[in-house]
PDB file of N, CA and C in Angstrom:
ATOM      1  N   MET A   1       1.545  -7.023 -25.998  1.00  0.00           N
ATOM      2  CA  MET A   1       2.034  -5.958 -25.158  1.00  0.00           C
ATOM      3  C   MET A   1       1.835  -6.268 -23.677  1.00  0.00           C
ATOM      4  N   PHE A   2       0.591  -6.458 -23.312  1.00  0.00           N
ATOM      5  CA  PHE A   2       0.300  -6.729 -21.908  1.00  0.00           C
ATOM      6  C   PHE A   2       0.249  -8.233 -21.671  1.00  0.00           C
ATOM      7  N   ARG A   3       0.925  -8.659 -20.615  1.00  0.00           N
ATOM      8  CA  ARG A   3       0.888 -10.070 -20.252  1.00  0.00           C
ATOM      9  C   ARG A   3      -0.209 -10.268 -19.228  1.00  0.00           C
ATOM     10  N   ARG A   4      -0.962 -11.306 -19.397  1.00  0.00           N
ATOM     11  CA  ARG A   4      -2.009 -11.609 -18.434  1.00  0.00           C
ATOM     12  C   ARG A   4      -1.386 -12.212 -17.192  1.00  0.00           C
ATOM     13  N   VAL A   5      -1.877 -11.781 -16.062  1.00  0.00           N
ATOM     14  CA  VAL A   5      -1.387 -12.307 -14.793  1.00  0.00           C
ATOM     15  C   VAL A   5      -2.076 -13.638 -14.544  1.00  0.00           C
ATOM     16  N   SER A   6      -1.282 -14.648 -14.282  1.00  0.00           N
ATOM     17  CA  SER A   6      -1.858 -15.971 -14.081  1.00  0.00           C
ATOM     18  C   SER A   6      -2.535 -16.065 -12.718  1.00  0.00           C
ATOM     19  N   LEU A   7      -3.487 -16.931 -12.630  1.00  0.00           N
ATOM     20  CA  LEU A   7      -4.210 -17.154 -11.387  1.00  0.00           C
ATOM     21  C   LEU A   7      -3.268 -17.673 -10.305  1.00  0.00           C
ATOM     22  N   VAL A   8      -2.308 -18.481 -10.680  1.00  0.00           N
ATOM     23  CA  VAL A   8      -1.346 -19.026  -9.722  1.00  0.00           C
ATOM     24  C   VAL A   8      -0.552 -17.891  -9.080  1.00  0.00           C
ATOM     25  N   PHE A   9      -0.131 -16.919  -9.868  1.00  0.00           N
ATOM     26  CA  PHE A   9       0.627 -15.787  -9.341  1.00  0.00           C
ATOM     27  C   PHE A   9      -0.218 -14.964  -8.371  1.00  0.00           C
ATOM     28  N   VAL A  10      -1.477 -14.734  -8.711  1.00  0.00           N
ATOM     29  CA  VAL A  10      -2.373 -13.965  -7.835  1.00  0.00           C
ATOM     30  C   VAL A  10      -2.576 -14.700  -6.514  1.00  0.00           C
ATOM     31  N   VAL A  11      -2.808 -15.991  -6.559  1.00  0.00           N
ATOM     32  CA  VAL A  11      -2.975 -16.791  -5.342  1.00  0.00           C
ATOM     33  C   VAL A  11      -1.689 -16.775  -4.520  1.00  0.00           C
ATOM     34  N   TYR A  12      -0.545 -16.870  -5.175  1.00  0.00           N
ATOM     35  CA  TYR A  12       0.756 -16.828  -4.505  1.00  0.00           C
ATOM     36  C   TYR A  12       0.921 -15.515  -3.741  1.00  0.00           C
ATOM     37  N   ILE A  13       0.576 -14.403  -4.370  1.00  0.00           N
ATOM     38  CA  ILE A  13       0.699 -13.095  -3.733  1.00  0.00           C
ATOM     39  C   ILE A  13      -0.276 -12.964  -2.572  1.00  0.00           C
ATOM     40  N   ILE A  14      -1.505 -13.425  -2.732  1.00  0.00           N
ATOM     41  CA  ILE A  14      -2.498 -13.345  -1.658  1.00  0.00           C
ATOM     42  C   ILE A  14      -2.057 -14.164  -0.455  1.00  0.00           C
ATOM     43  N   ILE A  15      -1.549 -15.363  -0.691  1.00  0.00           N
ATOM     44  CA  ILE A  15      -1.058 -16.192   0.417  1.00  0.00           C
ATOM     45  C   ILE A  15       0.116 -15.508   1.102  1.00  0.00           C
ATOM     46  N   GLY A  16       0.997 -14.909   0.332  1.00  0.00           N
ATOM     47  CA  GLY A  16       2.131 -14.180   0.899  1.00  0.00           C
ATOM     48  C   GLY A  16       1.686 -13.010   1.757  1.00  0.00           C
ATOM     49  N   LEU A  17       0.676 -12.293   1.319  1.00  0.00           N
ATOM     50  CA  LEU A  17       0.152 -11.180   2.109  1.00  0.00           C
ATOM     51  C   LEU A  17      -0.465 -11.659   3.422  1.00  0.00           C
ATOM     52  N   VAL A  18      -1.206 -12.755   3.357  1.00  0.00           N
ATOM     53  CA  VAL A  18      -1.823 -13.313   4.575  1.00  0.00           C
ATOM     54  C   VAL A  18      -0.747 -13.768   5.557  1.00  0.00           C
ATOM     55  N   VAL A  19       0.255 -14.457   5.065  1.00  0.00           N
ATOM     56  CA  VAL A  19       1.341 -14.927   5.944  1.00  0.00           C
ATOM     57  C   VAL A  19       2.088 -13.739   6.541  1.00  0.00           C
ATOM     58  N   ALA A  20       2.385 -12.720   5.738  1.00  0.00           N
ATOM     59  CA  ALA A  20       3.085 -11.534   6.243  1.00  0.00           C
ATOM     60  C   ALA A  20       2.243 -10.818   7.292  1.00  0.00           C
ATOM     61  N   TRP A  21       0.929 -10.743   7.086  1.00  0.00           N
ATOM     62  CA  TRP A  21       0.036 -10.114   8.069  1.00  0.00           C
ATOM     63  C   TRP A  21       0.033 -10.925   9.364  1.00  0.00           C
ATOM     64  N   GLU A  22      -0.069 -12.243   9.254  1.00  0.00           N
ATOM     65  CA  GLU A  22      -0.108 -13.111  10.434  1.00  0.00           C
ATOM     66  C   GLU A  22       1.197 -13.075  11.226  1.00  0.00           C
ATOM     67  N   LYS A  23       2.320 -12.916  10.549  1.00  0.00           N
ATOM     68  CA  LYS A  23       3.630 -12.864  11.211  1.00  0.00           C
ATOM     69  C   LYS A  23       4.022 -11.441  11.586  1.00  0.00           C
ATOM     70  N   HIS A  24       3.100 -10.495  11.421  1.00  0.00           N
ATOM     71  CA  HIS A  24       3.263  -9.094  11.812  1.00  0.00           C
ATOM     72  C   HIS A  24       4.361  -8.364  11.039  1.00  0.00           C
ATOM     73  N   TYR A  25       4.596  -8.766   9.811  1.00  0.00           N
ATOM     74  CA  TYR A  25       5.471  -7.990   8.939  1.00  0.00           C
ATOM     75  C   TYR A  25       4.684  -6.829   8.335  1.00  0.00           C
ATOM     76  N   ILE A  26       3.384  -7.008   8.193  1.00  0.00           N
ATOM     77  CA  ILE A  26       2.486  -5.956   7.726  1.00  0.00           C
ATOM     78  C   ILE A  26       1.584  -5.599   8.903  1.00  0.00           C
ATOM     79  N   THR A  27       1.609  -4.324   9.282  1.00  0.00           N
ATOM     80  CA  THR A  27       0.802  -3.868  10.412  1.00  0.00           C
ATOM     81  C   THR A  27      -0.095  -2.721   9.960  1.00  0.00           C
ATOM     82  N   VAL A  28      -1.018  -2.364  10.817  1.00  0.00           N
ATOM     83  CA  VAL A  28      -1.916  -1.251  10.523  1.00  0.00           C
ATOM     84  C   VAL A  28      -1.111   0.043  10.386  1.00  0.00           C
ATOM     85  N   ASN A  29      -0.113   0.235  11.243  1.00  0.00           N
ATOM     86  CA  ASN A  29       0.713   1.442  11.167  1.00  0.00           C
ATOM     87  C   ASN A  29       1.476   1.510   9.848  1.00  0.00           C
ATOM     88  N   LEU A  30       1.960   0.376   9.376  1.00  0.00           N
ATOM     89  CA  LEU A  30       2.655   0.337   8.086  1.00  0.00           C
ATOM     90  C   LEU A  30       1.700   0.715   6.962  1.00  0.00           C
ATOM     91  N   LEU A  31       0.489   0.177   6.998  1.00  0.00           N
ATOM     92  CA  LEU A  31      -0.495   0.487   5.963  1.00  0.00           C
ATOM     93  C   LEU A  31      -0.887   1.960   5.999  1.00  0.00           C
ATOM     94  N   LYS A  32      -1.017   2.534   7.196  1.00  0.00           N
ATOM     95  CA  LYS A  32      -1.326   3.958   7.310  1.00  0.00           C
ATOM     96  C   LYS A  32      -0.204   4.803   6.721  1.00  0.00           C
ATOM     97  N   GLY A  33       1.044   4.411   7.004  1.00  0.00           N
ATOM     98  CA  GLY A  33       2.182   5.146   6.462  1.00  0.00           C
ATOM     99  C   GLY A  33       2.252   5.066   4.949  1.00  0.00           C
ATOM    100  N   LEU A  34       1.993   3.884   4.408  1.00  0.00           N
ATOM    101  CA  LEU A  34       1.993   3.728   2.959  1.00  0.00           C
ATOM    102  C   LEU A  34       0.880   4.533   2.310  1.00  0.00           C
ATOM    103  N   LEU A  35      -0.296   4.549   2.936  1.00  0.00           N
ATOM    104  CA  LEU A  35      -1.413   5.316   2.400  1.00  0.00           C
ATOM    105  C   LEU A  35      -1.114   6.814   2.441  1.00  0.00           C
ATOM    106  N   SER A  36      -0.520   7.278   3.535  1.00  0.00           N
ATOM    107  CA  SER A  36      -0.146   8.690   3.627  1.00  0.00           C
ATOM    108  C   SER A  36       0.866   9.049   2.550  1.00  0.00           C
ATOM    109  N   ALA A  37       1.853   8.197   2.348  1.00  0.00           N
ATOM    110  CA  ALA A  37       2.865   8.458   1.324  1.00  0.00           C
ATOM    111  C   ALA A  37       2.251   8.462  -0.071  1.00  0.00           C
ATOM    112  N   LEU A  38       1.358   7.524  -0.328  1.00  0.00           N
ATOM    113  CA  LEU A  38       0.708   7.457  -1.633  1.00  0.00           C
ATOM    114  C   LEU A  38      -0.141   8.702  -1.889  1.00  0.00           C
ATOM    115  N   LEU A  39      -0.864   9.134  -0.877  1.00  0.00           N
ATOM    116  CA  LEU A  39      -1.657  10.361  -1.017  1.00  0.00           C
ATOM    117  C   LEU A  39      -0.761  11.566  -1.270  1.00  0.00           C
ATOM    118  N   ALA A  40       0.367  11.649  -0.555  1.00  0.00           N
ATOM    119  CA  ALA A  40       1.288  12.767  -0.743  1.00  0.00           C
ATOM    120  C   ALA A  40       1.901  12.755  -2.139  1.00  0.00           C
ATOM    121  N   ILE A  41       2.126  11.585  -2.690  1.00  0.00           N
ATOM    122  CA  ILE A  41       2.691  11.484  -4.036  1.00  0.00           C
ATOM    123  C   ILE A  41       1.647  11.882  -5.076  1.00  0.00           C
ATOM    124  N   LEU A  42       0.444  11.362  -4.934  1.00  0.00           N
ATOM    125  CA  LEU A  42      -0.596  11.626  -5.930  1.00  0.00           C
ATOM    126  C   LEU A  42      -1.162  13.044  -5.829  1.00  0.00           C
ATOM    127  N   LEU A  43      -1.216  13.548  -4.611  1.00  0.00           N
ATOM    128  CA  LEU A  43      -1.770  14.888  -4.388  1.00  0.00           C
ATOM    129  C   LEU A  43      -0.671  15.830  -3.893  1.00  0.00           C
ATOM    130  N   TRP A  44       0.472  15.819  -4.573  1.00  0.00           N
ATOM    131  CA  TRP A  44       1.671  16.524  -4.125  1.00  0.00           C
ATOM    132  C   TRP A  44       1.456  18.005  -3.919  1.00  0.00           C
ATOM    133  N   TRP A  45       0.501  18.590  -4.591  1.00  0.00           N
ATOM    134  CA  TRP A  45       0.276  20.020  -4.478  1.00  0.00           C
ATOM    135  C   TRP A  45      -0.425  20.402  -3.176  1.00  0.00           C
ATOM    136  N   LEU A  46      -1.132  19.465  -2.550  1.00  0.00           N
ATOM    137  CA  LEU A  46      -1.809  19.778  -1.289  1.00  0.00           C
ATOM    138  C   LEU A  46      -0.829  20.024  -0.135  1.00  0.00           C
ATOM    139  N   PRO A  47       0.197  19.163   0.047  1.00  0.00           N
ATOM    140  CA  PRO A  47       1.168  19.484   1.114  1.00  0.00           C
ATOM    141  C   PRO A  47       1.874  20.830   0.886  1.00  0.00           C
ATOM    142  N   LEU A  48       2.058  21.217  -0.367  1.00  0.00           N
ATOM    143  CA  LEU A  48       2.667  22.515  -0.641  1.00  0.00           C
ATOM    144  C   LEU A  48       1.768  23.659  -0.169  1.00  0.00           C
ATOM    145  N   LEU A  49       0.471  23.405  -0.118  1.00  0.00           N
ATOM    146  CA  LEU A  49      -0.482  24.409   0.361  1.00  0.00           C
ATOM    147  C   LEU A  49      -0.723  24.312   1.865  1.00  0.00           C
ATOM    148  N   GLY A  50      -0.021  23.393   2.534  1.00  0.00           N
ATOM    149  CA  GLY A  50      -0.123  23.254   3.979  1.00  0.00           C
ATOM    150  C   GLY A  50      -1.113  22.218   4.461  1.00  0.00           C
ATOM    151  N   VAL A  51      -1.650  21.399   3.562  1.00  0.00           N
ATOM    152  CA  VAL A  51      -2.607  20.367   3.954  1.00  0.00           C
ATOM    153  C   VAL A  51      -1.851  19.162   4.513  1.00  0.00           C
ATOM    154  N   ASN A  52      -2.299  18.659   5.650  1.00  0.00           N
ATOM    155  CA  ASN A  52      -1.690  17.506   6.288  1.00  0.00           C
ATOM    156  C   ASN A  52      -2.361  16.238   5.745  1.00  0.00           C
ATOM    157  N   LEU A  53      -1.589  15.377   5.082  1.00  0.00           N
ATOM    158  CA  LEU A  53      -2.140  14.144   4.511  1.00  0.00           C
ATOM    159  C   LEU A  53      -1.828  12.905   5.339  1.00  0.00           C
ATOM    160  N   HIS A  54      -1.372  13.109   6.574  1.00  0.00           N
ATOM    161  CA  HIS A  54      -1.070  11.968   7.435  1.00  0.00           C
ATOM    162  C   HIS A  54      -2.361  11.309   7.891  1.00  0.00           C
ATOM    163  N   ILE A  55      -2.433   9.999   7.765  1.00  0.00           N
ATOM    164  CA  ILE A  55      -3.574   9.218   8.211  1.00  0.00           C
ATOM    165  C   ILE A  55      -3.334   8.843   9.675  1.00  0.00           C
ATOM    166  N   HIS A  56      -4.291   9.172  10.531  1.00  0.00           N
ATOM    167  CA  HIS A  56      -4.116   8.876  11.967  1.00  0.00           C
ATOM    168  C   HIS A  56      -4.969   7.716  12.353  1.00  0.00           C
TER     169      HIS A  56
END
């Protein structure tokens, strides 16, 4: 059922993340936006109650 993730694939992804960070494709603002969106998705009922989930 579950396929094991190979070490080569994990290293490939880590190198890709480092290169993207170094070339400024991934920024702190992007990470904050993704975290805010993830929190809003997982805790969807809080924004309905007026809670601000934006990470500043």
